[in-house]
Amino acid sequence: MVHKRVYGAGAVAALALLIQTPAALAQQSSGGWFVPNQPKAAPAPARPAPRPVQTQSAPNPASGGSLPLPADNGEQPGLTPQQLQVQLPPAPDVPPVAKGPATPAAIVGILSVPDVLRVSTAYQAAYKELNGRAQKLNEDAQKEQATLRDMGQAFANERNRLSPEQIRSKEREIQDRATEAQRKFGERNRIIQEAGQYVMAQINRTMEQVAQQVALSRGVNLVLNRAQILGTTADFDLTPGVAEVLNKVLPAVVVPPDGVSPLAMATPTAMPRPPEPPAAAAPAAPAAPTSAPVASTTGDAAKSAPKKP
């Protein structure tokens, strides 16, 4: 039945509109603050015709960049260590390394990024804005899906009274609308996701700089993620200090306008600055009297000066 196919197309369009909240983007776009999970071992038997492997980005703790890692979906081909050893070229000789200076003793600090984001005014404002856009998108998608379902049901009811040409025309009309809805809502969803990544890039960039300054101020040379620590005391916690400084230097972030991808923005908008307190007014200089003659230091005035005896 055509109405069943139309309903299925509407369901596909709705499934394509699952929105990641900005909180999920914070976990994915947190830069070097989270150590990526290592991919699990692939299945031992190799498949005869390997397919292209999908990749996912894993944060680089050193530079904040991303490296492509194979997605562990349980279906990708794998090689055993023995097979990998056979395919590798001979290993190069590693010469001994000259003895260098010893690393300093570790002075550890603990940082909780989720707790910093929870009190960050910039993150909370951006989350509220993007979450509202995502909810509006889901509402519009549900309305469109209901409209497509009604159109398919109405078409099924009148199908017996239509000619073959009218049936084909109606099928194309409903299918084209379903395809256009899926494209339109998918585009809106992509723009929201890119806006969330754009926001998190701004926050992570400044948070890293703030964490380094707070660590230096307390003599810390090694900052660890609190999510990886079983237990600690408040003496090692840098989170309150980082959150306080972050709110001062980054009270807000640039959120792209609704429907505009950050990739389409001509030039980034200037970062908003916190309002500065008004400067104290300087005391006004006393006005020169208008009735007294102005003394001159050249010409006839110099000649009229009294001579020394």
Foldseek 3Di string as FASTA:
>chain_A
DLLVVLLVLLVVLLVLLDADALVVVCVVQLALQDFDDDADAADADFDPDFDDFDWDWGHDNPPSGTDTDGDRPNPGGHHDPVVVVVPDDDDDDDDDDDDDDDDDDADEAEAAVVVLLVLALANVVLSVVLVVLSVVLSVVSVVLSVVLSVLSVVCVVCVVVDDPVVNVVSSVVSVVSSVVSSVVSSLLSVQSSQLSSVSSVVLSVVLVVLVVVLCVVVVGDYYHYVVPDPDDDPVRYCHVVSSVVSCQAQVHADGDPRPDHPVPDPDDDDRDHDDDDDDDDDDDDDDDDPPDDDQDDDDPSVVPDDDDD
